[in-house]
Amino acid sequence: MKRNVKSVPNKLHVKTGDKVIVISGKDKGKVGKITRVFTKTGKVLVESVNLVTRATKASVQNPRGGLIKKEAPIFSCKVMVYDESLKKGVKTAKKVLENGQKVRVSKKSSEQFDK
């Protein structure tokens, strides 16, 4: 008997703080910074991307309540690392420097993403 199990990536190609571009969905083409990574679900939270409206009750932090816009997570497969020099999304490769440190580099422009 087969189970209906969704595949979740065990390792993501992006990290917190990366500048990424959205490659599919309603926010296609938007560029933002990753603020949080959810490894168990394979999702990322990108600033000013996938904004949803939430109705909230009045509280101490928000005395008036009402409608609040906030970011919602999107799947990591919908984003690519953004290369500043090329002004587009690129695939990354691993490279070992002379001092033994592993860094991610752009496959097109060889720009380093891990400083």
C-alpha atoms as a PDB file:
ATOM      1  CA  MET A   1       0.000   0.000   0.000  1.00  0.00           C
ATOM      2  CA  LYS A   2       1.402   3.368  -1.020  1.00  0.00           C
ATOM      3  CA  ARG A   3       1.308   6.321   1.312  1.00  0.00           C
ATOM      4  CA  ASN A   4       0.608   9.822   0.152  1.00  0.00           C
ATOM      5  CA  VAL A   5       3.708  11.549   1.532  1.00  0.00           C
ATOM      6  CA  LYS A   6       4.832  14.946   0.287  1.00  0.00           C
ATOM      7  CA  SER A   7       8.548  15.208  -0.352  1.00  0.00           C
ATOM      8  CA  VAL A   8      10.313  17.856   1.673  1.00  0.00           C
ATOM      9  CA  PRO A   9      13.860  18.837   0.751  1.00  0.00           C
ATOM     10  CA  ASN A  10      16.403  17.832   3.383  1.00  0.00           C
ATOM     11  CA  LYS A  11      18.646  20.758   2.473  1.00  0.00           C
ATOM     12  CA  LEU A  12      17.693  24.130   1.027  1.00  0.00           C
ATOM     13  CA  HIS A  13      19.652  26.110  -1.570  1.00  0.00           C
ATOM     14  CA  VAL A  14      19.061  29.435   0.217  1.00  0.00           C
ATOM     15  CA  LYS A  15      19.939  30.828   3.637  1.00  0.00           C
ATOM     16  CA  THR A  16      18.660  33.555   5.928  1.00  0.00           C
ATOM     17  CA  GLY A  17      19.907  36.930   4.680  1.00  0.00           C
ATOM     18  CA  ASP A  18      20.177  35.913   1.009  1.00  0.00           C
ATOM     19  CA  LYS A  19      18.800  38.281  -1.616  1.00  0.00           C
ATOM     20  CA  VAL A  20      16.425  36.259  -3.803  1.00  0.00           C
ATOM     21  CA  ILE A  21      14.102  36.740  -6.771  1.00  0.00           C
ATOM     22  CA  VAL A  22      10.694  35.026  -7.005  1.00  0.00           C
ATOM     23  CA  ILE A  23      10.486  32.917 -10.185  1.00  0.00           C
ATOM     24  CA  SER A  24       6.822  31.823 -10.108  1.00  0.00           C
ATOM     25  CA  GLY A  25       3.478  32.728  -8.575  1.00  0.00           C
ATOM     26  CA  LYS A  26       1.615  35.984  -8.044  1.00  0.00           C
ATOM     27  CA  ASP A  27       4.789  37.818  -6.948  1.00  0.00           C
ATOM     28  CA  LYS A  28       6.952  36.675  -9.877  1.00  0.00           C
ATOM     29  CA  GLY A  29       9.883  39.024 -10.506  1.00  0.00           C
ATOM     30  CA  LYS A  30       9.958  40.585  -7.023  1.00  0.00           C
ATOM     31  CA  VAL A  31      13.322  40.794  -5.257  1.00  0.00           C
ATOM     32  CA  GLY A  32      13.617  40.563  -1.480  1.00  0.00           C
ATOM     33  CA  LYS A  33      15.727  39.387   1.423  1.00  0.00           C
ATOM     34  CA  ILE A  34      15.060  36.100   3.227  1.00  0.00           C
ATOM     35  CA  THR A  35      14.109  36.810   6.830  1.00  0.00           C
ATOM     36  CA  ARG A  36      13.363  33.268   8.003  1.00  0.00           C
ATOM     37  CA  VAL A  37      13.812  29.689   6.765  1.00  0.00           C
ATOM     38  CA  PHE A  38      11.481  26.811   7.681  1.00  0.00           C
ATOM     39  CA  THR A  39      13.543  23.667   7.035  1.00  0.00           C
ATOM     40  CA  LYS A  40      10.886  21.112   8.038  1.00  0.00           C
ATOM     41  CA  THR A  41       8.357  22.396   5.497  1.00  0.00           C
ATOM     42  CA  GLY A  42      10.854  23.623   2.874  1.00  0.00           C
ATOM     43  CA  LYS A  43       9.491  27.179   2.953  1.00  0.00           C
ATOM     44  CA  VAL A  44      11.073  30.610   3.276  1.00  0.00           C
ATOM     45  CA  LEU A  45       9.827  34.015   4.408  1.00  0.00           C
ATOM     46  CA  VAL A  46      10.839  36.818   2.042  1.00  0.00           C
ATOM     47  CA  GLU A  47      10.333  40.466   2.971  1.00  0.00           C
ATOM     48  CA  SER A  48       7.556  42.278   1.044  1.00  0.00           C
ATOM     49  CA  VAL A  49       6.639  39.108  -0.902  1.00  0.00           C
ATOM     50  CA  ASN A  50       3.407  37.060  -0.600  1.00  0.00           C
ATOM     51  CA  LEU A  51       1.598  39.645   1.521  1.00  0.00           C
ATOM     52  CA  VAL A  52      -1.634  38.372   3.089  1.00  0.00           C
ATOM     53  CA  THR A  53      -4.280  40.320   4.999  1.00  0.00           C
ATOM     54  CA  ARG A  54      -5.153  39.104   8.496  1.00  0.00           C
ATOM     55  CA  ALA A  55      -8.048  40.314  10.632  1.00  0.00           C
ATOM     56  CA  THR A  56      -6.829  40.793  14.205  1.00  0.00           C
ATOM     57  CA  LYS A  57      -8.541  41.595  17.475  1.00  0.00           C
ATOM     58  CA  ALA A  58      -7.435  44.521  19.596  1.00  0.00           C
ATOM     59  CA  SER A  59      -4.483  43.708  21.887  1.00  0.00           C
ATOM     60  CA  VAL A  60      -1.807  45.472  23.905  1.00  0.00           C
ATOM     61  CA  GLN A  61       0.571  45.629  20.906  1.00  0.00           C
ATOM     62  CA  ASN A  62      -2.223  46.642  18.507  1.00  0.00           C
ATOM     63  CA  PRO A  63      -4.896  48.599  20.469  1.00  0.00           C
ATOM     64  CA  ARG A  64      -7.151  49.242  17.461  1.00  0.00           C
ATOM     65  CA  GLY A  65      -7.076  45.800  15.841  1.00  0.00           C
ATOM     66  CA  GLY A  66      -8.347  45.550  12.275  1.00  0.00           C
ATOM     67  CA  LEU A  67      -6.775  44.360   9.027  1.00  0.00           C
ATOM     68  CA  ILE A  68      -3.005  43.855   9.034  1.00  0.00           C
ATOM     69  CA  LYS A  69      -0.826  42.948   6.041  1.00  0.00           C
ATOM     70  CA  LYS A  70       2.003  40.521   6.739  1.00  0.00           C
ATOM     71  CA  GLU A  71       4.263  38.161   4.826  1.00  0.00           C
ATOM     72  CA  ALA A  72       3.420  34.488   4.479  1.00  0.00           C
ATOM     73  CA  PRO A  73       5.955  31.715   3.717  1.00  0.00           C
ATOM     74  CA  ILE A  74       6.479  30.473   0.153  1.00  0.00           C
ATOM     75  CA  PHE A  75       8.128  27.272  -1.042  1.00  0.00           C
ATOM     76  CA  SER A  76      11.886  27.526  -1.483  1.00  0.00           C
ATOM     77  CA  CYS A  77      11.672  26.084  -5.005  1.00  0.00           C
ATOM     78  CA  LYS A  78       9.931  29.296  -6.096  1.00  0.00           C
ATOM     79  CA  VAL A  79      12.969  31.487  -5.366  1.00  0.00           C
ATOM     80  CA  MET A  80      16.463  31.796  -6.856  1.00  0.00           C
ATOM     81  CA  VAL A  81      19.509  33.527  -5.438  1.00  0.00           C
ATOM     82  CA  TYR A  82      19.736  37.029  -6.955  1.00  0.00           C
ATOM     83  CA  ASP A  83      23.017  38.063  -8.574  1.00  0.00           C
ATOM     84  CA  GLU A  84      23.588  41.833  -8.279  1.00  0.00           C
ATOM     85  CA  SER A  85      26.052  42.001 -11.179  1.00  0.00           C
ATOM     86  CA  LEU A  86      23.757  40.203 -13.662  1.00  0.00           C
ATOM     87  CA  LYS A  87      20.490  41.590 -12.206  1.00  0.00           C
ATOM     88  CA  LYS A  88      18.792  38.171 -12.352  1.00  0.00           C
ATOM     89  CA  GLY A  89      18.443  34.858 -10.543  1.00  0.00           C
ATOM     90  CA  VAL A  90      21.287  32.346 -10.845  1.00  0.00           C
ATOM     91  CA  LYS A  91      22.082  28.776  -9.908  1.00  0.00           C
ATOM     92  CA  THR A  92      24.792  28.304  -7.316  1.00  0.00           C
ATOM     93  CA  ALA A  93      27.743  25.941  -6.975  1.00  0.00           C
ATOM     94  CA  LYS A  94      30.038  25.145  -4.055  1.00  0.00           C
ATOM     95  CA  LYS A  95      33.677  26.198  -4.181  1.00  0.00           C
ATOM     96  CA  VAL A  96      36.506  25.604  -1.708  1.00  0.00           C
ATOM     97  CA  LEU A  97      38.813  28.583  -1.131  1.00  0.00           C
ATOM     98  CA  GLU A  98      42.564  28.385  -0.440  1.00  0.00           C
ATOM     99  CA  ASN A  99      41.980  28.630   3.322  1.00  0.00           C
ATOM    100  CA  GLY A 100      39.631  25.599   3.220  1.00  0.00           C
ATOM    101  CA  GLN A 101      36.400  27.571   3.562  1.00  0.00           C
ATOM    102  CA  LYS A 102      33.405  26.435   1.469  1.00  0.00           C
ATOM    103  CA  VAL A 103      31.435  29.187  -0.241  1.00  0.00           C
ATOM    104  CA  ARG A 104      28.527  29.392  -2.684  1.00  0.00           C
ATOM    105  CA  VAL A 105      29.327  31.007  -6.030  1.00  0.00           C
ATOM    106  CA  SER A 106      27.237  31.975  -9.045  1.00  0.00           C
ATOM    107  CA  LYS A 107      27.588  29.531 -11.942  1.00  0.00           C
ATOM    108  CA  LYS A 108      27.407  32.388 -14.479  1.00  0.00           C
ATOM    109  CA  SER A 109      29.464  35.218 -12.988  1.00  0.00           C
ATOM    110  CA  SER A 110      31.493  33.363 -10.285  1.00  0.00           C
ATOM    111  CA  GLU A 111      30.380  35.966  -7.703  1.00  0.00           C
ATOM    112  CA  GLN A 112      30.597  34.767  -4.069  1.00  0.00           C
ATOM    113  CA  PHE A 113      27.441  34.810  -1.956  1.00  0.00           C
ATOM    114  CA  ASP A 114      28.933  33.701   1.378  1.00  0.00           C
ATOM    115  CA  LYS A 115      31.262  36.370   2.679  1.00  0.00           C
END
